[in-house]
Amino acid sequence: MSIKSWIKALPVYPSLRRRIHIMGDAISMIWIRLCLAIPSKHFRVFFLNSHRGVKIHRSVPVYHGIEWWKGPLTIGEGSSIGFRNHLDCRRGLVIGKNVCLASDVTVWTLHHDYNNTHFSAVGGEVVIGDYVWLCSNCIILPGVKIGEGAVVAAGAVVSRDVAPWTVVGGVPARPIAKRDEKEYDYRPGEYWLPLL
């Protein structure tokens, strides 16, 4: 019997392997938090872009307090990521061009299946179209697609796709207005505060 097969036969081995994996994840999350706390928008973008599957345009300001859960992330030119945003990218997050994420926005790509006996994780990629405005304290749930030019009101919880040029609000979010569909020409990423 080889040493590897003997170790695998031990009843504690799967538990030990899981603990080591969890410890590695915890160390990685601490490292990411420390690096994202450095007071430089340019460094934050550089640091995030150094990870596999991340592509953030250099014009995007990423403000302090961001919580990034590792995974594929794309942010288009001219967008702005506000203070204390939580971006769960484990299933993928695509943010278009000229998108404004206000402060304290939360985007989830995974959550738990409450009917599953093992409480397993389920979810899907979140896609946010060009010229979208996500107002403060809104929550976007897994698998949601937000169409071009849509607005999500402050405090809304979005659990379903949002049609283009629609304003949604409430819990759960429902259409409350239409946005004028025209050639918008603004870039939230052009105005940014240094050292924040």
C-alpha atoms as a PDB file:
ATOM      1  CA  MET A   1       0.000   0.000   0.000  1.00  0.00           C
ATOM      2  CA  SER A   2       1.486   3.364  -1.066  1.00  0.00           C
ATOM      3  CA  ILE A   3       1.614   6.362   1.249  1.00  0.00           C
ATOM      4  CA  LYS A   4      -0.840   8.312  -0.949  1.00  0.00           C
ATOM      5  CA  SER A   5      -3.436   5.553  -0.847  1.00  0.00           C
ATOM      6  CA  TRP A   6      -2.895   5.171   2.902  1.00  0.00           C
ATOM      7  CA  ILE A   7      -3.495   8.938   3.440  1.00  0.00           C
ATOM      8  CA  LYS A   8      -6.625   8.838   1.266  1.00  0.00           C
ATOM      9  CA  ALA A   9      -7.899   5.923   3.322  1.00  0.00           C
ATOM     10  CA  LEU A  10      -7.726   7.963   6.520  1.00  0.00           C
ATOM     11  CA  PRO A  11     -11.199   9.149   7.558  1.00  0.00           C
ATOM     12  CA  VAL A  12      -9.944  12.686   8.386  1.00  0.00           C
ATOM     13  CA  TYR A  13      -8.241  13.261   5.045  1.00  0.00           C
ATOM     14  CA  PRO A  14     -11.200  14.764   3.140  1.00  0.00           C
ATOM     15  CA  SER A  15     -11.933  17.018   6.120  1.00  0.00           C
ATOM     16  CA  LEU A  16      -8.285  18.081   6.356  1.00  0.00           C
ATOM     17  CA  ARG A  17      -8.083  18.759   2.620  1.00  0.00           C
ATOM     18  CA  ARG A  18     -11.241  20.884   2.846  1.00  0.00           C
ATOM     19  CA  ARG A  19      -9.814  22.856   5.781  1.00  0.00           C
ATOM     20  CA  ILE A  20      -6.600  23.532   3.867  1.00  0.00           C
ATOM     21  CA  HIS A  21      -8.620  24.686   0.842  1.00  0.00           C
ATOM     22  CA  ILE A  22     -10.765  26.996   3.008  1.00  0.00           C
ATOM     23  CA  MET A  23      -7.640  28.428   4.682  1.00  0.00           C
ATOM     24  CA  GLY A  24      -6.151  29.152   1.246  1.00  0.00           C
ATOM     25  CA  ASP A  25      -9.355  30.936   0.194  1.00  0.00           C
ATOM     26  CA  ALA A  26      -9.323  33.011   3.394  1.00  0.00           C
ATOM     27  CA  ILE A  27      -5.690  34.059   2.892  1.00  0.00           C
ATOM     28  CA  SER A  28      -6.454  34.993  -0.727  1.00  0.00           C
ATOM     29  CA  MET A  29      -9.459  37.128   0.331  1.00  0.00           C
ATOM     30  CA  ILE A  30      -7.374  38.916   2.990  1.00  0.00           C
ATOM     31  CA  TRP A  31      -4.643  39.635   0.403  1.00  0.00           C
ATOM     32  CA  ILE A  32      -7.220  41.002  -2.066  1.00  0.00           C
ATOM     33  CA  ARG A  33      -8.760  43.250   0.623  1.00  0.00           C
ATOM     34  CA  LEU A  34      -5.355  44.620   1.614  1.00  0.00           C
ATOM     35  CA  CYS A  35      -4.391  45.388  -1.985  1.00  0.00           C
ATOM     36  CA  LEU A  36      -7.752  47.000  -2.790  1.00  0.00           C
ATOM     37  CA  ALA A  37      -7.362  49.246   0.289  1.00  0.00           C
ATOM     38  CA  ILE A  38      -4.343  51.004  -1.251  1.00  0.00           C
ATOM     39  CA  PRO A  39      -5.417  54.608  -1.972  1.00  0.00           C
ATOM     40  CA  SER A  40      -4.895  54.602  -5.720  1.00  0.00           C
ATOM     41  CA  LYS A  41      -7.510  54.068  -8.429  1.00  0.00           C
ATOM     42  CA  HIS A  42      -4.742  53.186 -10.883  1.00  0.00           C
ATOM     43  CA  PHE A  43      -3.269  50.550  -8.581  1.00  0.00           C
ATOM     44  CA  ARG A  44      -6.681  48.964  -7.925  1.00  0.00           C
ATOM     45  CA  VAL A  45      -7.359  48.643 -11.660  1.00  0.00           C
ATOM     46  CA  PHE A  46      -3.827  47.271 -12.229  1.00  0.00           C
ATOM     47  CA  PHE A  47      -4.200  44.788  -9.358  1.00  0.00           C
ATOM     48  CA  LEU A  48      -7.598  43.526 -10.502  1.00  0.00           C
ATOM     49  CA  ASN A  49      -6.423  43.252 -14.130  1.00  0.00           C
ATOM     50  CA  SER A  50      -3.519  41.070 -12.970  1.00  0.00           C
ATOM     51  CA  HIS A  51      -6.013  38.284 -12.217  1.00  0.00           C
ATOM     52  CA  ARG A  52      -7.088  35.767 -14.846  1.00  0.00           C
ATOM     53  CA  GLY A  53     -10.464  36.562 -16.399  1.00  0.00           C
ATOM     54  CA  VAL A  54     -10.478  40.239 -15.371  1.00  0.00           C
ATOM     55  CA  LYS A  55     -10.498  43.003 -17.978  1.00  0.00           C
ATOM     56  CA  ILE A  56     -11.139  46.532 -16.711  1.00  0.00           C
ATOM     57  CA  HIS A  57     -10.587  49.491 -19.028  1.00  0.00           C
ATOM     58  CA  ARG A  58      -7.900  51.840 -17.750  1.00  0.00           C
ATOM     59  CA  SER A  59     -10.361  54.784 -17.725  1.00  0.00           C
ATOM     60  CA  VAL A  60     -12.500  53.162 -14.994  1.00  0.00           C
ATOM     61  CA  PRO A  61     -12.152  54.589 -11.477  1.00  0.00           C
ATOM     62  CA  VAL A  62     -12.523  51.887  -8.827  1.00  0.00           C
ATOM     63  CA  TYR A  63     -13.118  53.643  -5.501  1.00  0.00           C
ATOM     64  CA  HIS A  64     -12.052  52.403  -2.080  1.00  0.00           C
ATOM     65  CA  GLY A  65     -14.034  49.897  -0.078  1.00  0.00           C
ATOM     66  CA  ILE A  66     -14.687  47.608  -3.046  1.00  0.00           C
ATOM     67  CA  GLU A  67     -15.240  43.973  -2.122  1.00  0.00           C
ATOM     68  CA  TRP A  68     -14.298  41.709  -5.053  1.00  0.00           C
ATOM     69  CA  TRP A  69     -15.038  38.010  -4.910  1.00  0.00           C
ATOM     70  CA  LYS A  70     -12.675  36.379  -7.365  1.00  0.00           C
ATOM     71  CA  GLY A  71     -13.975  35.468 -10.801  1.00  0.00           C
ATOM     72  CA  PRO A  72     -14.407  36.741 -14.356  1.00  0.00           C
ATOM     73  CA  LEU A  73     -15.022  40.496 -14.464  1.00  0.00           C
ATOM     74  CA  THR A  74     -15.266  42.842 -17.452  1.00  0.00           C
ATOM     75  CA  ILE A  75     -15.831  46.596 -17.116  1.00  0.00           C
ATOM     76  CA  GLY A  76     -16.107  48.764 -20.220  1.00  0.00           C
ATOM     77  CA  GLU A  77     -14.619  52.148 -21.006  1.00  0.00           C
ATOM     78  CA  GLY A  78     -16.028  55.205 -19.236  1.00  0.00           C
ATOM     79  CA  SER A  79     -17.727  53.312 -16.402  1.00  0.00           C
ATOM     80  CA  SER A  80     -17.323  54.159 -12.707  1.00  0.00           C
ATOM     81  CA  ILE A  81     -17.324  51.820  -9.681  1.00  0.00           C
ATOM     82  CA  GLY A  82     -18.396  53.721  -6.550  1.00  0.00           C
ATOM     83  CA  PHE A  83     -17.467  53.435  -2.880  1.00  0.00           C
ATOM     84  CA  ARG A  84     -17.997  50.180  -0.922  1.00  0.00           C
ATOM     85  CA  ASN A  85     -19.429  48.157  -3.809  1.00  0.00           C
ATOM     86  CA  HIS A  86     -19.612  44.383  -3.449  1.00  0.00           C
ATOM     87  CA  LEU A  87     -18.917  42.566  -6.722  1.00  0.00           C
ATOM     88  CA  ASP A  88     -19.369  38.795  -6.540  1.00  0.00           C
ATOM     89  CA  CYS A  89     -17.771  37.535  -9.771  1.00  0.00           C
ATOM     90  CA  ARG A  90     -17.684  33.795  -9.071  1.00  0.00           C
ATOM     91  CA  ARG A  91     -20.041  33.104 -12.018  1.00  0.00           C
ATOM     92  CA  GLY A  92     -18.992  36.122 -14.064  1.00  0.00           C
ATOM     93  CA  LEU A  93     -19.907  39.808 -14.148  1.00  0.00           C
ATOM     94  CA  VAL A  94     -19.989  41.920 -17.302  1.00  0.00           C
ATOM     95  CA  ILE A  95     -20.413  45.695 -16.941  1.00  0.00           C
ATOM     96  CA  GLY A  96     -20.775  47.650 -20.180  1.00  0.00           C
ATOM     97  CA  LYS A  97     -19.509  51.068 -21.224  1.00  0.00           C
ATOM     98  CA  ASN A  98     -20.393  54.324 -19.445  1.00  0.00           C
ATOM     99  CA  VAL A  99     -22.119  52.557 -16.557  1.00  0.00           C
ATOM    100  CA  CYS A 100     -22.479  54.308 -13.204  1.00  0.00           C
ATOM    101  CA  LEU A 101     -22.409  52.125 -10.092  1.00  0.00           C
ATOM    102  CA  ALA A 102     -23.166  54.439  -7.177  1.00  0.00           C
ATOM    103  CA  SER A 103     -22.002  53.685  -3.621  1.00  0.00           C
ATOM    104  CA  ASP A 104     -22.908  50.522  -1.689  1.00  0.00           C
ATOM    105  CA  VAL A 105     -24.152  48.567  -4.730  1.00  0.00           C
ATOM    106  CA  THR A 106     -24.187  44.780  -4.291  1.00  0.00           C
ATOM    107  CA  VAL A 107     -24.040  42.351  -7.218  1.00  0.00           C
ATOM    108  CA  TRP A 108     -24.398  38.613  -6.539  1.00  0.00           C
ATOM    109  CA  THR A 109     -23.703  35.823  -9.038  1.00  0.00           C
ATOM    110  CA  LEU A 110     -24.210  32.960  -6.582  1.00  0.00           C
ATOM    111  CA  HIS A 111     -26.613  32.264  -3.740  1.00  0.00           C
ATOM    112  CA  HIS A 112     -27.961  29.169  -1.972  1.00  0.00           C
ATOM    113  CA  ASP A 113     -30.772  26.894  -3.075  1.00  0.00           C
ATOM    114  CA  TYR A 114     -32.939  26.868   0.053  1.00  0.00           C
ATOM    115  CA  ASN A 115     -34.805  23.752  -1.176  1.00  0.00           C
ATOM    116  CA  ASN A 116     -31.636  21.716  -1.621  1.00  0.00           C
ATOM    117  CA  THR A 117     -30.860  19.325   1.232  1.00  0.00           C
ATOM    118  CA  HIS A 118     -27.192  20.369   1.076  1.00  0.00           C
ATOM    119  CA  PHE A 119     -27.980  24.112   0.715  1.00  0.00           C
ATOM    120  CA  SER A 120     -25.876  24.070  -2.475  1.00  0.00           C
ATOM    121  CA  ALA A 121     -24.885  27.184  -4.393  1.00  0.00           C
ATOM    122  CA  VAL A 122     -26.767  28.159  -7.556  1.00  0.00           C
ATOM    123  CA  GLY A 123     -26.544  31.207  -9.771  1.00  0.00           C
ATOM    124  CA  GLY A 124     -25.380  32.645 -13.046  1.00  0.00           C
ATOM    125  CA  GLU A 125     -23.531  35.443 -14.794  1.00  0.00           C
ATOM    126  CA  VAL A 126     -24.805  39.003 -14.356  1.00  0.00           C
ATOM    127  CA  VAL A 127     -24.714  41.289 -17.407  1.00  0.00           C
ATOM    128  CA  ILE A 128     -25.152  45.067 -17.104  1.00  0.00           C
ATOM    129  CA  GLY A 129     -25.615  46.952 -20.392  1.00  0.00           C
ATOM    130  CA  ASP A 130     -24.154  50.279 -21.552  1.00  0.00           C
ATOM    131  CA  TYR A 131     -25.355  53.553 -19.950  1.00  0.00           C
ATOM    132  CA  VAL A 132     -26.979  51.764 -16.999  1.00  0.00           C
ATOM    133  CA  TRP A 133     -27.222  53.578 -13.664  1.00  0.00           C
ATOM    134  CA  LEU A 134     -27.300  51.449 -10.507  1.00  0.00           C
ATOM    135  CA  CYS A 135     -28.269  53.768  -7.648  1.00  0.00           C
ATOM    136  CA  SER A 136     -27.005  53.488  -4.070  1.00  0.00           C
ATOM    137  CA  ASN A 137     -27.808  50.433  -1.965  1.00  0.00           C
ATOM    138  CA  CYS A 138     -29.420  48.438  -4.775  1.00  0.00           C
ATOM    139  CA  ILE A 139     -28.920  44.672  -4.951  1.00  0.00           C
ATOM    140  CA  ILE A 140     -28.624  42.665  -8.175  1.00  0.00           C
ATOM    141  CA  LEU A 141     -29.279  38.927  -7.801  1.00  0.00           C
ATOM    142  CA  PRO A 142     -27.646  36.061  -9.762  1.00  0.00           C
ATOM    143  CA  GLY A 143     -28.330  35.533 -13.457  1.00  0.00           C
ATOM    144  CA  VAL A 144     -29.918  38.954 -14.031  1.00  0.00           C
ATOM    145  CA  LYS A 145     -29.452  40.898 -17.253  1.00  0.00           C
ATOM    146  CA  ILE A 146     -29.956  44.672 -17.116  1.00  0.00           C
ATOM    147  CA  GLY A 147     -30.631  46.181 -20.532  1.00  0.00           C
ATOM    148  CA  GLU A 148     -28.972  49.211 -22.072  1.00  0.00           C
ATOM    149  CA  GLY A 149     -29.874  52.547 -20.503  1.00  0.00           C
ATOM    150  CA  ALA A 150     -31.849  51.046 -17.623  1.00  0.00           C
ATOM    151  CA  VAL A 151     -31.915  52.646 -14.162  1.00  0.00           C
ATOM    152  CA  VAL A 152     -32.189  50.721 -10.888  1.00  0.00           C
ATOM    153  CA  ALA A 153     -33.531  52.961  -8.104  1.00  0.00           C
ATOM    154  CA  ALA A 154     -31.871  53.264  -4.696  1.00  0.00           C
ATOM    155  CA  GLY A 155     -32.587  50.324  -2.398  1.00  0.00           C
ATOM    156  CA  ALA A 156     -34.146  48.150  -5.125  1.00  0.00           C
ATOM    157  CA  VAL A 157     -33.634  44.374  -5.206  1.00  0.00           C
ATOM    158  CA  VAL A 158     -33.457  43.127  -8.796  1.00  0.00           C
ATOM    159  CA  SER A 159     -34.363  39.452  -9.122  1.00  0.00           C
ATOM    160  CA  ARG A 160     -35.444  39.424 -12.805  1.00  0.00           C
ATOM    161  CA  ASP A 161     -34.099  40.819 -16.065  1.00  0.00           C
ATOM    162  CA  VAL A 162     -34.616  44.541 -16.629  1.00  0.00           C
ATOM    163  CA  ALA A 163     -35.689  45.717 -20.101  1.00  0.00           C
ATOM    164  CA  PRO A 164     -33.608  48.391 -21.849  1.00  0.00           C
ATOM    165  CA  TRP A 165     -34.462  52.034 -21.061  1.00  0.00           C
ATOM    166  CA  THR A 166     -36.616  51.031 -18.066  1.00  0.00           C
ATOM    167  CA  VAL A 167     -36.485  52.475 -14.549  1.00  0.00           C
ATOM    168  CA  VAL A 168     -37.124  49.866 -11.841  1.00  0.00           C
ATOM    169  CA  GLY A 169     -37.550  50.240  -8.096  1.00  0.00           C
ATOM    170  CA  GLY A 170     -38.818  48.462  -5.014  1.00  0.00           C
ATOM    171  CA  VAL A 171     -38.454  45.025  -3.435  1.00  0.00           C
ATOM    172  CA  PRO A 172     -38.659  43.075  -5.622  1.00  0.00           C
ATOM    173  CA  ALA A 173     -37.864  45.610  -8.336  1.00  0.00           C
ATOM    174  CA  ARG A 174     -40.675  46.432 -10.770  1.00  0.00           C
ATOM    175  CA  PRO A 175     -40.883  48.950 -13.631  1.00  0.00           C
ATOM    176  CA  ILE A 176     -41.792  52.412 -12.345  1.00  0.00           C
ATOM    177  CA  ALA A 177     -40.918  54.609 -15.354  1.00  0.00           C
ATOM    178  CA  LYS A 178     -39.409  54.704 -18.822  1.00  0.00           C
ATOM    179  CA  ARG A 179     -36.163  56.479 -19.637  1.00  0.00           C
ATOM    180  CA  ASP A 180     -35.924  58.516 -22.820  1.00  0.00           C
ATOM    181  CA  GLU A 181     -34.142  56.466 -25.456  1.00  0.00           C
ATOM    182  CA  LYS A 182     -31.665  58.801 -27.139  1.00  0.00           C
ATOM    183  CA  GLU A 183     -27.978  59.212 -27.917  1.00  0.00           C
ATOM    184  CA  TYR A 184     -26.526  59.749 -24.438  1.00  0.00           C
ATOM    185  CA  ASP A 185     -23.034  61.177 -24.273  1.00  0.00           C
ATOM    186  CA  TYR A 186     -21.721  60.935 -20.755  1.00  0.00           C
ATOM    187  CA  ARG A 187     -18.815  59.053 -19.224  1.00  0.00           C
ATOM    188  CA  PRO A 188     -19.028  58.617 -15.440  1.00  0.00           C
ATOM    189  CA  GLY A 189     -15.384  57.488 -15.402  1.00  0.00           C
ATOM    190  CA  GLU A 190     -14.074  60.862 -16.621  1.00  0.00           C
ATOM    191  CA  TYR A 191     -14.701  62.551 -13.269  1.00  0.00           C
ATOM    192  CA  TRP A 192     -12.903  60.834 -10.421  1.00  0.00           C
ATOM    193  CA  LEU A 193     -11.500  61.877  -7.089  1.00  0.00           C
ATOM    194  CA  PRO A 194      -7.783  61.174  -6.528  1.00  0.00           C
ATOM    195  CA  LEU A 195      -6.536  59.189  -3.513  1.00  0.00           C
ATOM    196  CA  LEU A 196      -9.947  57.610  -2.834  1.00  0.00           C
END
